[in-house]
Amino acid sequence: MSLKCLNTMNIKKYVKYLGALIDNNLSWKYHTDYIALKISKTIGIISRLRHFIPNPILLNIYRSLIHPYISNGLPVWGQTSKTNLNKIPILQKQVMRLFYFATKREHAIPLFVNAKILPVDLLYY
């Protein structure tokens, strides 16, 4: 192998390993962005279904489509910076408000308690 071949190697910004996107600075930005994208797509599905499906089934959809993305590798990436992590609790609150037809100004903590779901920061601890 020549030296010229080694110089043309591509350096990636992140690598996907066991479902986690690990970037070269271990900031977990790409991973949290990926989780936020997956949650956002599911929120679109839930917002359409909530008018036709009862809450227990919607909660099962949450537990099967959103919770695995949040809990996968959480002990590793859960200590990321507030800026990276802040997207996920906001999306979780949005889902809870959709479940219970709550307004954007309504507190989400009673909704989490009612659904028996932990926000990502409490899930980490």
PDB file of N, CA and C in Angstrom:
ATOM      1  N   MET A   1       0.852  -1.180   0.000  1.00  0.00           N
ATOM      2  CA  MET A   1       0.000   0.000   0.000  1.00  0.00           C
ATOM      3  C   MET A   1       0.896   1.241   0.000  1.00  0.00           C
ATOM      4  N   SER A   2       0.635   2.123  -0.888  1.00  0.00           N
ATOM      5  CA  SER A   2       1.497   3.295  -0.999  1.00  0.00           C
ATOM      6  C   SER A   2       1.034   4.395  -0.058  1.00  0.00           C
ATOM      7  N   LEU A   3       1.920   5.328   0.172  1.00  0.00           N
ATOM      8  CA  LEU A   3       1.635   6.467   1.046  1.00  0.00           C
ATOM      9  C   LEU A   3       0.538   7.337   0.450  1.00  0.00           C
ATOM     10  N   LYS A   4       0.473   7.382  -0.879  1.00  0.00           N
ATOM     11  CA  LYS A   4      -0.547   8.184  -1.542  1.00  0.00           C
ATOM     12  C   LYS A   4      -1.953   7.659  -1.220  1.00  0.00           C
ATOM     13  N   CYS A   5      -2.106   6.356  -1.130  1.00  0.00           N
ATOM     14  CA  CYS A   5      -3.409   5.772  -0.790  1.00  0.00           C
ATOM     15  C   CYS A   5      -3.826   6.127   0.630  1.00  0.00           C
ATOM     16  N   LEU A   6      -2.873   6.183   1.539  1.00  0.00           N
ATOM     17  CA  LEU A   6      -3.191   6.515   2.930  1.00  0.00           C
ATOM     18  C   LEU A   6      -3.648   7.959   3.073  1.00  0.00           C
ATOM     19  N   ASN A   7      -3.116   8.853   2.280  1.00  0.00           N
ATOM     20  CA  ASN A   7      -3.475  10.266   2.367  1.00  0.00           C
ATOM     21  C   ASN A   7      -4.863  10.547   1.821  1.00  0.00           C
ATOM     22  N   THR A   8      -5.392   9.667   0.981  1.00  0.00           N
ATOM     23  CA  THR A   8      -6.697   9.924   0.388  1.00  0.00           C
ATOM     24  C   THR A   8      -7.839   9.288   1.177  1.00  0.00           C
ATOM     25  N   MET A   9      -7.558   8.791   2.374  1.00  0.00           N
ATOM     26  CA  MET A   9      -8.601   8.177   3.192  1.00  0.00           C
ATOM     27  C   MET A   9      -9.591   9.244   3.651  1.00  0.00           C
ATOM     28  N   ASN A  10     -10.859   8.880   3.647  1.00  0.00           N
ATOM     29  CA  ASN A  10     -11.894   9.805   4.100  1.00  0.00           C
ATOM     30  C   ASN A  10     -12.012   9.749   5.616  1.00  0.00           C
ATOM     31  N   ILE A  11     -12.046  10.900   6.219  1.00  0.00           N
ATOM     32  CA  ILE A  11     -12.259  10.990   7.655  1.00  0.00           C
ATOM     33  C   ILE A  11     -13.725  11.336   7.867  1.00  0.00           C
ATOM     34  N   LYS A  12     -14.429  10.464   8.570  1.00  0.00           N
ATOM     35  CA  LYS A  12     -15.848  10.668   8.806  1.00  0.00           C
ATOM     36  C   LYS A  12     -16.063  11.496  10.064  1.00  0.00           C
ATOM     37  N   LYS A  13     -17.181  12.219  10.083  1.00  0.00           N
ATOM     38  CA  LYS A  13     -17.513  13.019  11.251  1.00  0.00           C
ATOM     39  C   LYS A  13     -18.055  12.156  12.379  1.00  0.00           C
ATOM     40  N   TYR A  14     -18.696  11.062  12.018  1.00  0.00           N
ATOM     41  CA  TYR A  14     -19.234  10.151  13.034  1.00  0.00           C
ATOM     42  C   TYR A  14     -19.272   8.740  12.468  1.00  0.00           C
ATOM     43  N   VAL A  15     -19.397   7.784  13.382  1.00  0.00           N
ATOM     44  CA  VAL A  15     -19.493   6.377  13.027  1.00  0.00           C
ATOM     45  C   VAL A  15     -20.684   5.801  13.766  1.00  0.00           C
ATOM     46  N   LYS A  16     -21.451   4.953  13.071  1.00  0.00           N
ATOM     47  CA  LYS A  16     -22.581   4.297  13.718  1.00  0.00           C
ATOM     48  C   LYS A  16     -22.093   2.965  14.272  1.00  0.00           C
ATOM     49  N   TYR A  17     -22.230   2.803  15.586  1.00  0.00           N
ATOM     50  CA  TYR A  17     -21.790   1.582  16.241  1.00  0.00           C
ATOM     51  C   TYR A  17     -22.847   1.161  17.251  1.00  0.00           C
ATOM     52  N   LEU A  18     -23.425  -0.013  17.056  1.00  0.00           N
ATOM     53  CA  LEU A  18     -24.476  -0.547  17.917  1.00  0.00           C
ATOM     54  C   LEU A  18     -25.636   0.426  18.085  1.00  0.00           C
ATOM     55  N   GLY A  19     -25.985   1.104  17.010  1.00  0.00           N
ATOM     56  CA  GLY A  19     -27.122   2.013  17.027  1.00  0.00           C
ATOM     57  C   GLY A  19     -26.814   3.407  17.537  1.00  0.00           C
ATOM     58  N   ALA A  20     -25.590   3.650  17.968  1.00  0.00           N
ATOM     59  CA  ALA A  20     -25.208   4.980  18.468  1.00  0.00           C
ATOM     60  C   ALA A  20     -24.303   5.659  17.455  1.00  0.00           C
ATOM     61  N   LEU A  21     -24.535   6.931  17.223  1.00  0.00           N
ATOM     62  CA  LEU A  21     -23.687   7.710  16.329  1.00  0.00           C
ATOM     63  C   LEU A  21     -22.600   8.388  17.165  1.00  0.00           C
ATOM     64  N   ILE A  22     -21.406   7.887  17.046  1.00  0.00           N
ATOM     65  CA  ILE A  22     -20.278   8.374  17.849  1.00  0.00           C
ATOM     66  C   ILE A  22     -19.458   9.303  16.981  1.00  0.00           C
ATOM     67  N   ASP A  23     -19.353  10.571  17.388  1.00  0.00           N
ATOM     68  CA  ASP A  23     -18.579  11.530  16.610  1.00  0.00           C
ATOM     69  C   ASP A  23     -17.150  11.615  17.147  1.00  0.00           C
ATOM     70  N   ASN A  24     -16.290  12.289  16.396  1.00  0.00           N
ATOM     71  CA  ASN A  24     -14.872  12.314  16.748  1.00  0.00           C
ATOM     72  C   ASN A  24     -14.560  13.108  18.012  1.00  0.00           C
ATOM     73  N   ASN A  25     -15.478  13.945  18.485  1.00  0.00           N
ATOM     74  CA  ASN A  25     -15.261  14.702  19.721  1.00  0.00           C
ATOM     75  C   ASN A  25     -16.024  14.123  20.906  1.00  0.00           C
ATOM     76  N   LEU A  26     -16.766  13.065  20.688  1.00  0.00           N
ATOM     77  CA  LEU A  26     -17.641  12.466  21.700  1.00  0.00           C
ATOM     78  C   LEU A  26     -18.604  13.489  22.303  1.00  0.00           C
ATOM     79  N   SER A  27     -19.123  14.359  21.447  1.00  0.00           N
ATOM     80  CA  SER A  27     -20.095  15.359  21.909  1.00  0.00           C
ATOM     81  C   SER A  27     -21.519  14.823  21.837  1.00  0.00           C
ATOM     82  N   TRP A  28     -21.739  13.746  21.102  1.00  0.00           N
ATOM     83  CA  TRP A  28     -23.042  13.099  20.930  1.00  0.00           C
ATOM     84  C   TRP A  28     -24.050  13.975  20.208  1.00  0.00           C
ATOM     85  N   LYS A  29     -23.596  15.012  19.519  1.00  0.00           N
ATOM     86  CA  LYS A  29     -24.493  15.904  18.794  1.00  0.00           C
ATOM     87  C   LYS A  29     -25.222  15.158  17.679  1.00  0.00           C
ATOM     88  N   TYR A  30     -24.502  14.383  16.901  1.00  0.00           N
ATOM     89  CA  TYR A  30     -25.129  13.657  15.794  1.00  0.00           C
ATOM     90  C   TYR A  30     -26.126  12.625  16.310  1.00  0.00           C
ATOM     91  N   HIS A  31     -25.797  12.004  17.425  1.00  0.00           N
ATOM     92  CA  HIS A  31     -26.697  10.997  17.983  1.00  0.00           C
ATOM     93  C   HIS A  31     -27.985  11.633  18.497  1.00  0.00           C
ATOM     94  N   THR A  32     -27.876  12.723  19.228  1.00  0.00           N
ATOM     95  CA  THR A  32     -29.084  13.388  19.729  1.00  0.00           C
ATOM     96  C   THR A  32     -29.912  13.968  18.587  1.00  0.00           C
ATOM     97  N   ASP A  33     -29.252  14.462  17.542  1.00  0.00           N
ATOM     98  CA  ASP A  33     -29.989  14.938  16.359  1.00  0.00           C
ATOM     99  C   ASP A  33     -30.727  13.788  15.681  1.00  0.00           C
ATOM    100  N   TYR A  34     -30.085  12.630  15.624  1.00  0.00           N
ATOM    101  CA  TYR A  34     -30.696  11.448  15.027  1.00  0.00           C
ATOM    102  C   TYR A  34     -31.921  11.007  15.834  1.00  0.00           C
ATOM    103  N   ILE A  35     -31.792  11.000  17.150  1.00  0.00           N
ATOM    104  CA  ILE A  35     -32.917  10.626  18.017  1.00  0.00           C
ATOM    105  C   ILE A  35     -34.059  11.626  17.859  1.00  0.00           C
ATOM    106  N   ALA A  36     -33.716  12.913  17.828  1.00  0.00           N
ATOM    107  CA  ALA A  36     -34.740  13.948  17.672  1.00  0.00           C
ATOM    108  C   ALA A  36     -35.471  13.791  16.340  1.00  0.00           C
ATOM    109  N   LEU A  37     -34.753  13.440  15.284  1.00  0.00           N
ATOM    110  CA  LEU A  37     -35.390  13.229  13.985  1.00  0.00           C
ATOM    111  C   LEU A  37     -36.353  12.047  14.032  1.00  0.00           C
ATOM    112  N   LYS A  38     -35.935  10.949  14.649  1.00  0.00           N
ATOM    113  CA  LYS A  38     -36.799   9.768  14.754  1.00  0.00           C
ATOM    114  C   LYS A  38     -38.046  10.066  15.592  1.00  0.00           C
ATOM    115  N   ILE A  39     -37.875  10.802  16.693  1.00  0.00           N
ATOM    116  CA  ILE A  39     -39.011  11.159  17.542  1.00  0.00           C
ATOM    117  C   ILE A  39     -39.960  12.088  16.782  1.00  0.00           C
ATOM    118  N   SER A  40     -39.416  13.036  16.029  1.00  0.00           N
ATOM    119  CA  SER A  40     -40.250  13.971  15.271  1.00  0.00           C
ATOM    120  C   SER A  40     -41.117  13.254  14.250  1.00  0.00           C
ATOM    121  N   LYS A  41     -40.546  12.244  13.585  1.00  0.00           N
ATOM    122  CA  LYS A  41     -41.338  11.478  12.618  1.00  0.00           C
ATOM    123  C   LYS A  41     -42.476  10.731  13.309  1.00  0.00           C
ATOM    124  N   THR A  42     -42.198  10.192  14.480  1.00  0.00           N
ATOM    125  CA  THR A  42     -43.226   9.465  15.219  1.00  0.00           C
ATOM    126  C   THR A  42     -44.287  10.419  15.749  1.00  0.00           C
ATOM    127  N   ILE A  43     -43.885  11.628  16.108  1.00  0.00           N
ATOM    128  CA  ILE A  43     -44.851  12.631  16.566  1.00  0.00           C
ATOM    129  C   ILE A  43     -45.861  12.923  15.456  1.00  0.00           C
ATOM    130  N   GLY A  44     -45.391  12.981  14.227  1.00  0.00           N
ATOM    131  CA  GLY A  44     -46.300  13.190  13.106  1.00  0.00           C
ATOM    132  C   GLY A  44     -47.329  12.082  12.993  1.00  0.00           C
ATOM    133  N   ILE A  45     -46.890  10.857  13.207  1.00  0.00           N
ATOM    134  CA  ILE A  45     -47.808   9.714  13.167  1.00  0.00           C
ATOM    135  C   ILE A  45     -48.815   9.803  14.306  1.00  0.00           C
ATOM    136  N   ILE A  46     -48.318  10.094  15.513  1.00  0.00           N
ATOM    137  CA  ILE A  46     -49.184  10.161  16.689  1.00  0.00           C
ATOM    138  C   ILE A  46     -50.194  11.303  16.571  1.00  0.00           C
ATOM    139  N   SER A  47     -49.760  12.427  16.004  1.00  0.00           N
ATOM    140  CA  SER A  47     -50.687  13.561  15.890  1.00  0.00           C
ATOM    141  C   SER A  47     -51.859  13.242  14.970  1.00  0.00           C
ATOM    142  N   ARG A  48     -51.643  12.369  13.984  1.00  0.00           N
ATOM    143  CA  ARG A  48     -52.743  11.976  13.112  1.00  0.00           C
ATOM    144  C   ARG A  48     -53.621  10.898  13.744  1.00  0.00           C
ATOM    145  N   LEU A  49     -52.987   9.993  14.497  1.00  0.00           N
ATOM    146  CA  LEU A  49     -53.713   8.861  15.068  1.00  0.00           C
ATOM    147  C   LEU A  49     -54.482   9.195  16.344  1.00  0.00           C
ATOM    148  N   ARG A  50     -54.091  10.244  17.044  1.00  0.00           N
ATOM    149  CA  ARG A  50     -54.666  10.504  18.372  1.00  0.00           C
ATOM    150  C   ARG A  50     -56.165  10.761  18.343  1.00  0.00           C
ATOM    151  N   HIS A  51     -56.698  11.142  17.210  1.00  0.00           N
ATOM    152  CA  HIS A  51     -58.132  11.396  17.093  1.00  0.00           C
ATOM    153  C   HIS A  51     -58.946  10.097  16.965  1.00  0.00           C
ATOM    154  N   PHE A  52     -58.276   9.019  16.610  1.00  0.00           N
ATOM    155  CA  PHE A  52     -58.978   7.772  16.313  1.00  0.00           C
ATOM    156  C   PHE A  52     -58.636   6.621  17.258  1.00  0.00           C
ATOM    157  N   ILE A  53     -57.518   6.738  17.970  1.00  0.00           N
ATOM    158  CA  ILE A  53     -57.024   5.637  18.799  1.00  0.00           C
ATOM    159  C   ILE A  53     -57.038   6.064  20.261  1.00  0.00           C
ATOM    160  N   PRO A  54     -57.469   5.190  21.181  1.00  0.00           N
ATOM    161  CA  PRO A  54     -57.481   5.545  22.606  1.00  0.00           C
ATOM    162  C   PRO A  54     -56.057   5.680  23.169  1.00  0.00           C
ATOM    163  N   ASN A  55     -55.971   6.401  24.291  1.00  0.00           N
ATOM    164  CA  ASN A  55     -54.679   6.692  24.900  1.00  0.00           C
ATOM    165  C   ASN A  55     -53.836   5.464  25.253  1.00  0.00           C
ATOM    166  N   PRO A  56     -54.397   4.388  25.785  1.00  0.00           N
ATOM    167  CA  PRO A  56     -53.534   3.240  26.091  1.00  0.00           C
ATOM    168  C   PRO A  56     -52.789   2.696  24.871  1.00  0.00           C
ATOM    169  N   ILE A  57     -53.430   2.729  23.734  1.00  0.00           N
ATOM    170  CA  ILE A  57     -52.760   2.264  22.513  1.00  0.00           C
ATOM    171  C   ILE A  57     -51.722   3.286  22.062  1.00  0.00           C
ATOM    172  N   LEU A  58     -52.025   4.573  22.208  1.00  0.00           N
ATOM    173  CA  LEU A  58     -51.040   5.606  21.872  1.00  0.00           C
ATOM    174  C   LEU A  58     -49.807   5.490  22.762  1.00  0.00           C
ATOM    175  N   LEU A  59     -50.030   5.176  24.037  1.00  0.00           N
ATOM    176  CA  LEU A  59     -48.894   4.986  24.941  1.00  0.00           C
ATOM    177  C   LEU A  59     -48.071   3.772  24.535  1.00  0.00           C
ATOM    178  N   ASN A  60     -48.722   2.727  24.044  1.00  0.00           N
ATOM    179  CA  ASN A  60     -47.977   1.571  23.534  1.00  0.00           C
ATOM    180  C   ASN A  60     -47.161   1.937  22.297  1.00  0.00           C
ATOM    181  N   ILE A  61     -47.713   2.791  21.461  1.00  0.00           N
ATOM    182  CA  ILE A  61     -46.967   3.275  20.294  1.00  0.00           C
ATOM    183  C   ILE A  61     -45.745   4.066  20.754  1.00  0.00           C
ATOM    184  N   TYR A  62     -45.928   4.909  21.777  1.00  0.00           N
ATOM    185  CA  TYR A  62     -44.799   5.657  22.332  1.00  0.00           C
ATOM    186  C   TYR A  62     -43.726   4.694  22.846  1.00  0.00           C
ATOM    187  N   ARG A  63     -44.167   3.707  23.617  1.00  0.00           N
ATOM    188  CA  ARG A  63     -43.210   2.768  24.215  1.00  0.00           C
ATOM    189  C   ARG A  63     -42.514   1.902  23.175  1.00  0.00           C
ATOM    190  N   SER A  64     -43.117   1.715  22.037  1.00  0.00           N
ATOM    191  CA  SER A  64     -42.489   0.872  21.022  1.00  0.00           C
ATOM    192  C   SER A  64     -41.722   1.663  19.955  1.00  0.00           C
ATOM    193  N   LEU A  65     -42.086   2.908  19.705  1.00  0.00           N
ATOM    194  CA  LEU A  65     -41.430   3.669  18.645  1.00  0.00           C
ATOM    195  C   LEU A  65     -40.528   4.794  19.129  1.00  0.00           C
ATOM    196  N   ILE A  66     -40.764   5.329  20.314  1.00  0.00           N
ATOM    197  CA  ILE A  66     -39.956   6.453  20.803  1.00  0.00           C
ATOM    198  C   ILE A  66     -39.026   6.023  21.928  1.00  0.00           C
ATOM    199  N   HIS A  67     -39.561   5.323  22.903  1.00  0.00           N
ATOM    200  CA  HIS A  67     -38.770   4.967  24.082  1.00  0.00           C
ATOM    201  C   HIS A  67     -37.495   4.173  23.756  1.00  0.00           C
ATOM    202  N   PRO A  68     -37.515   3.231  22.819  1.00  0.00           N
ATOM    203  CA  PRO A  68     -36.267   2.510  22.521  1.00  0.00           C
ATOM    204  C   PRO A  68     -35.142   3.417  22.015  1.00  0.00           C
ATOM    205  N   TYR A  69     -35.486   4.441  21.224  1.00  0.00           N
ATOM    206  CA  TYR A  69     -34.454   5.370  20.757  1.00  0.00           C
ATOM    207  C   TYR A  69     -33.864   6.162  21.916  1.00  0.00           C
ATOM    208  N   ILE A  70     -34.701   6.526  22.874  1.00  0.00           N
ATOM    209  CA  ILE A  70     -34.222   7.311  24.013  1.00  0.00           C
ATOM    210  C   ILE A  70     -33.393   6.445  24.949  1.00  0.00           C
ATOM    211  N   SER A  71     -33.833   5.250  25.212  1.00  0.00           N
ATOM    212  CA  SER A  71     -33.167   4.433  26.229  1.00  0.00           C
ATOM    213  C   SER A  71     -31.940   3.684  25.717  1.00  0.00           C
ATOM    214  N   ASN A  72     -31.794   3.534  24.395  1.00  0.00           N
ATOM    215  CA  ASN A  72     -30.653   2.808  23.856  1.00  0.00           C
ATOM    216  C   ASN A  72     -29.357   3.589  24.082  1.00  0.00           C
ATOM    217  N   GLY A  73     -28.508   3.081  24.934  1.00  0.00           N
ATOM    218  CA  GLY A  73     -27.227   3.718  25.208  1.00  0.00           C
ATOM    219  C   GLY A  73     -27.313   4.963  26.050  1.00  0.00           C
ATOM    220  N   LEU A  74     -28.431   5.188  26.708  1.00  0.00           N
ATOM    221  CA  LEU A  74     -28.610   6.400  27.518  1.00  0.00           C
ATOM    222  C   LEU A  74     -27.538   6.582  28.589  1.00  0.00           C
ATOM    223  N   PRO A  75     -27.073   5.523  29.264  1.00  0.00           N
ATOM    224  CA  PRO A  75     -25.989   5.749  30.244  1.00  0.00           C
ATOM    225  C   PRO A  75     -24.717   6.323  29.622  1.00  0.00           C
ATOM    226  N   VAL A  76     -24.535   6.119  28.328  1.00  0.00           N
ATOM    227  CA  VAL A  76     -23.331   6.630  27.663  1.00  0.00           C
ATOM    228  C   VAL A  76     -23.542   8.055  27.179  1.00  0.00           C
ATOM    229  N   TRP A  77     -24.615   8.311  26.435  1.00  0.00           N
ATOM    230  CA  TRP A  77     -24.797   9.630  25.836  1.00  0.00           C
ATOM    231  C   TRP A  77     -25.648  10.565  26.679  1.00  0.00           C
ATOM    232  N   GLY A  78     -26.189  10.100  27.790  1.00  0.00           N
ATOM    233  CA  GLY A  78     -27.064  10.924  28.616  1.00  0.00           C
ATOM    234  C   GLY A  78     -26.368  12.070  29.325  1.00  0.00           C
ATOM    235  N   GLN A  79     -25.054  12.040  29.378  1.00  0.00           N
ATOM    236  CA  GLN A  79     -24.281  13.087  30.048  1.00  0.00           C
ATOM    237  C   GLN A  79     -23.821  14.166  29.069  1.00  0.00           C
ATOM    238  N   THR A  80     -24.370  14.174  27.871  1.00  0.00           N
ATOM    239  CA  THR A  80     -23.988  15.170  26.881  1.00  0.00           C
ATOM    240  C   THR A  80     -24.399  16.573  27.335  1.00  0.00           C
ATOM    241  N   SER A  81     -23.969  17.569  26.621  1.00  0.00           N
ATOM    242  CA  SER A  81     -24.259  18.952  27.011  1.00  0.00           C
ATOM    243  C   SER A  81     -25.753  19.235  26.949  1.00  0.00           C
ATOM    244  N   LYS A  82     -26.164  20.240  27.701  1.00  0.00           N
ATOM    245  CA  LYS A  82     -27.580  20.636  27.747  1.00  0.00           C
ATOM    246  C   LYS A  82     -28.088  21.025  26.365  1.00  0.00           C
ATOM    247  N   THR A  83     -27.223  21.660  25.579  1.00  0.00           N
ATOM    248  CA  THR A  83     -27.649  22.092  24.244  1.00  0.00           C
ATOM    249  C   THR A  83     -28.003  20.910  23.363  1.00  0.00           C
ATOM    250  N   ASN A  84     -27.211  19.859  23.445  1.00  0.00           N
ATOM    251  CA  ASN A  84     -27.500  18.674  22.635  1.00  0.00           C
ATOM    252  C   ASN A  84     -28.706  17.914  23.171  1.00  0.00           C
ATOM    253  N   LEU A  85     -28.809  17.818  24.473  1.00  0.00           N
ATOM    254  CA  LEU A  85     -29.846  16.994  25.092  1.00  0.00           C
ATOM    255  C   LEU A  85     -31.207  17.684  25.129  1.00  0.00           C
ATOM    256  N   ASN A  86     -31.235  19.000  25.048  1.00  0.00           N
ATOM    257  CA  ASN A  86     -32.465  19.769  25.254  1.00  0.00           C
ATOM    258  C   ASN A  86     -33.557  19.461  24.230  1.00  0.00           C
ATOM    259  N   LYS A  87     -33.175  19.006  23.034  1.00  0.00           N
ATOM    260  CA  LYS A  87     -34.177  18.729  21.996  1.00  0.00           C
ATOM    261  C   LYS A  87     -35.095  17.579  22.395  1.00  0.00           C
ATOM    262  N   ILE A  88     -34.534  16.595  23.061  1.00  0.00           N
ATOM    263  CA  ILE A  88     -35.288  15.375  23.351  1.00  0.00           C
ATOM    264  C   ILE A  88     -36.387  15.603  24.383  1.00  0.00           C
ATOM    265  N   PRO A  89     -36.132  16.272  25.528  1.00  0.00           N
ATOM    266  CA  PRO A  89     -37.251  16.524  26.457  1.00  0.00           C
ATOM    267  C   PRO A  89     -38.341  17.410  25.860  1.00  0.00           C
ATOM    268  N   ILE A  90     -37.953  18.328  24.994  1.00  0.00           N
ATOM    269  CA  ILE A  90     -38.958  19.183  24.346  1.00  0.00           C
ATOM    270  C   ILE A  90     -39.887  18.337  23.485  1.00  0.00           C
ATOM    271  N   LEU A  91     -39.305  17.392  22.751  1.00  0.00           N
ATOM    272  CA  LEU A  91     -40.132  16.515  21.920  1.00  0.00           C
ATOM    273  C   LEU A  91     -40.971  15.569  22.772  1.00  0.00           C
ATOM    274  N   GLN A  92     -40.407  15.107  23.896  1.00  0.00           N
ATOM    275  CA  GLN A  92     -41.185  14.256  24.803  1.00  0.00           C
ATOM    276  C   GLN A  92     -42.396  15.013  25.341  1.00  0.00           C
ATOM    277  N   LYS A  93     -42.199  16.256  25.724  1.00  0.00           N
ATOM    278  CA  LYS A  93     -43.308  17.069  26.224  1.00  0.00           C
ATOM    279  C   LYS A  93     -44.363  17.275  25.145  1.00  0.00           C
ATOM    280  N   GLN A  94     -43.894  17.462  23.920  1.00  0.00           N
ATOM    281  CA  GLN A  94     -44.827  17.638  22.808  1.00  0.00           C
ATOM    282  C   GLN A  94     -45.691  16.389  22.625  1.00  0.00           C
ATOM    283  N   VAL A  95     -45.091  15.226  22.746  1.00  0.00           N
ATOM    284  CA  VAL A  95     -45.845  13.977  22.620  1.00  0.00           C
ATOM    285  C   VAL A  95     -46.871  13.859  23.736  1.00  0.00           C
ATOM    286  N   MET A  96     -46.468  14.175  24.968  1.00  0.00           N
ATOM    287  CA  MET A  96     -47.390  14.073  26.103  1.00  0.00           C
ATOM    288  C   MET A  96     -48.578  15.012  25.916  1.00  0.00           C
ATOM    289  N   ARG A  97     -48.305  16.202  25.421  1.00  0.00           N
ATOM    290  CA  ARG A  97     -49.399  17.154  25.194  1.00  0.00           C
ATOM    291  C   ARG A  97     -50.329  16.682  24.077  1.00  0.00           C
ATOM    292  N   LEU A  98     -49.760  15.995  23.091  1.00  0.00           N
ATOM    293  CA  LEU A  98     -50.609  15.442  22.033  1.00  0.00           C
ATOM    294  C   LEU A  98     -51.516  14.344  22.570  1.00  0.00           C
ATOM    295  N   PHE A  99     -50.979  13.489  23.436  1.00  0.00           N
ATOM    296  CA  PHE A  99     -51.772  12.398  24.008  1.00  0.00           C
ATOM    297  C   PHE A  99     -53.016  12.910  24.706  1.00  0.00           C
ATOM    298  N   TYR A 100     -52.848  13.971  25.466  1.00  0.00           N
ATOM    299  CA  TYR A 100     -53.934  14.464  26.329  1.00  0.00           C
ATOM    300  C   TYR A 100     -54.598  15.727  25.787  1.00  0.00           C
ATOM    301  N   PHE A 101     -54.338  16.058  24.529  1.00  0.00           N
ATOM    302  CA  PHE A 101     -54.927  17.236  23.891  1.00  0.00           C
ATOM    303  C   PHE A 101     -54.703  18.493  24.736  1.00  0.00           C
ATOM    304  N   ALA A 102     -53.521  18.617  25.292  1.00  0.00           N
ATOM    305  CA  ALA A 102     -53.179  19.763  26.135  1.00  0.00           C
ATOM    306  C   ALA A 102     -52.612  20.886  25.264  1.00  0.00           C
ATOM    307  N   THR A 103     -52.681  22.102  25.801  1.00  0.00           N
ATOM    308  CA  THR A 103     -52.126  23.247  25.086  1.00  0.00           C
ATOM    309  C   THR A 103     -50.613  23.310  25.292  1.00  0.00           C
ATOM    310  N   LYS A 104     -49.952  24.143  24.502  1.00  0.00           N
ATOM    311  CA  LYS A 104     -48.497  24.279  24.614  1.00  0.00           C
ATOM    312  C   LYS A 104     -48.073  24.906  25.939  1.00  0.00           C
ATOM    313  N   ARG A 105     -48.961  25.653  26.561  1.00  0.00           N
ATOM    314  CA  ARG A 105     -48.629  26.326  27.821  1.00  0.00           C
ATOM    315  C   ARG A 105     -48.914  25.468  29.048  1.00  0.00           C
ATOM    316  N   GLU A 106     -49.566  24.360  28.856  1.00  0.00           N
ATOM    317  CA  GLU A 106     -49.899  23.495  29.980  1.00  0.00           C
ATOM    318  C   GLU A 106     -48.648  22.736  30.436  1.00  0.00           C
ATOM    319  N   HIS A 107     -48.501  22.600  31.758  1.00  0.00           N
ATOM    320  CA  HIS A 107     -47.348  21.899  32.309  1.00  0.00           C
ATOM    321  C   HIS A 107     -47.369  20.431  31.900  1.00  0.00           C
ATOM    322  N   ALA A 108     -46.201  19.916  31.579  1.00  0.00           N
ATOM    323  CA  ALA A 108     -46.115  18.543  31.076  1.00  0.00           C
ATOM    324  C   ALA A 108     -45.891  17.520  32.190  1.00  0.00           C
ATOM    325  N   ILE A 109     -45.430  17.948  33.359  1.00  0.00           N
ATOM    326  CA  ILE A 109     -45.115  16.998  34.432  1.00  0.00           C
ATOM    327  C   ILE A 109     -46.344  16.178  34.841  1.00  0.00           C
ATOM    328  N   PRO A 110     -47.527  16.788  35.053  1.00  0.00           N
ATOM    329  CA  PRO A 110     -48.689  15.952  35.369  1.00  0.00           C
ATOM    330  C   PRO A 110     -49.042  14.971  34.247  1.00  0.00           C
ATOM    331  N   LEU A 111     -48.752  15.337  33.023  1.00  0.00           N
ATOM    332  CA  LEU A 111     -49.026  14.445  31.901  1.00  0.00           C
ATOM    333  C   LEU A 111     -48.071  13.252  31.907  1.00  0.00           C
ATOM    334  N   PHE A 112     -46.799  13.508  32.239  1.00  0.00           N
ATOM    335  CA  PHE A 112     -45.826  12.419  32.377  1.00  0.00           C
ATOM    336  C   PHE A 112     -46.239  11.473  33.503  1.00  0.00           C
ATOM    337  N   VAL A 113     -46.690  12.046  34.610  1.00  0.00           N
ATOM    338  CA  VAL A 113     -47.107  11.221  35.750  1.00  0.00           C
ATOM    339  C   VAL A 113     -48.313  10.380  35.374  1.00  0.00           C
ATOM    340  N   ASN A 114     -49.265  10.990  34.700  1.00  0.00           N
ATOM    341  CA  ASN A 114     -50.469  10.278  34.298  1.00  0.00           C
ATOM    342  C   ASN A 114     -50.145   9.137  33.317  1.00  0.00           C
ATOM    343  N   ALA A 115     -49.176   9.362  32.436  1.00  0.00           N
ATOM    344  CA  ALA A 115     -48.804   8.344  31.452  1.00  0.00           C
ATOM    345  C   ALA A 115     -47.808   7.336  32.011  1.00  0.00           C
ATOM    346  N   LYS A 116     -47.276   7.610  33.202  1.00  0.00           N
ATOM    347  CA  LYS A 116     -46.259   6.759  33.837  1.00  0.00           C
ATOM    348  C   LYS A 116     -45.023   6.611  32.954  1.00  0.00           C
ATOM    349  N   ILE A 117     -44.573   7.761  32.439  1.00  0.00           N
ATOM    350  CA  ILE A 117     -43.385   7.831  31.587  1.00  0.00           C
ATOM    351  C   ILE A 117     -42.432   8.835  32.209  1.00  0.00           C
ATOM    352  N   LEU A 118     -41.146   8.517  32.211  1.00  0.00           N
ATOM    353  CA  LEU A 118     -40.138   9.422  32.745  1.00  0.00           C
ATOM    354  C   LEU A 118     -39.539  10.271  31.632  1.00  0.00           C
ATOM    355  N   PRO A 119     -39.320  11.569  31.901  1.00  0.00           N
ATOM    356  CA  PRO A 119     -38.577  12.392  30.934  1.00  0.00           C
ATOM    357  C   PRO A 119     -37.137  11.884  30.841  1.00  0.00           C
ATOM    358  N   VAL A 120     -36.459  12.243  29.789  1.00  0.00           N
ATOM    359  CA  VAL A 120     -35.131  11.688  29.502  1.00  0.00           C
ATOM    360  C   VAL A 120     -34.129  11.992  30.610  1.00  0.00           C
ATOM    361  N   ASP A 121     -34.188  13.168  31.217  1.00  0.00           N
ATOM    362  CA  ASP A 121     -33.220  13.480  32.280  1.00  0.00           C
ATOM    363  C   ASP A 121     -33.443  12.618  33.511  1.00  0.00           C
ATOM    364  N   LEU A 122     -34.694  12.367  33.884  1.00  0.00           N
ATOM    365  CA  LEU A 122     -34.972  11.479  35.017  1.00  0.00           C
ATOM    366  C   LEU A 122     -34.712  10.021  34.650  1.00  0.00           C
ATOM    367  N   LEU A 123     -34.937   9.681  33.413  1.00  0.00           N
ATOM    368  CA  LEU A 123     -34.640   8.332  32.951  1.00  0.00           C
ATOM    369  C   LEU A 123     -33.144   8.053  33.029  1.00  0.00           C
ATOM    370  N   TYR A 124     -32.341   9.078  32.766  1.00  0.00           N
ATOM    371  CA  TYR A 124     -30.882   8.925  32.860  1.00  0.00           C
ATOM    372  C   TYR A 124     -30.454   8.667  34.303  1.00  0.00           C
ATOM    373  N   TYR A 125     -31.044   9.437  35.234  1.00  0.00           N
ATOM    374  CA  TYR A 125     -30.641   9.278  36.637  1.00  0.00           C
ATOM    375  C   TYR A 125     -31.226   8.017  37.218  1.00  0.00           C
TER     376      TYR A 125
END
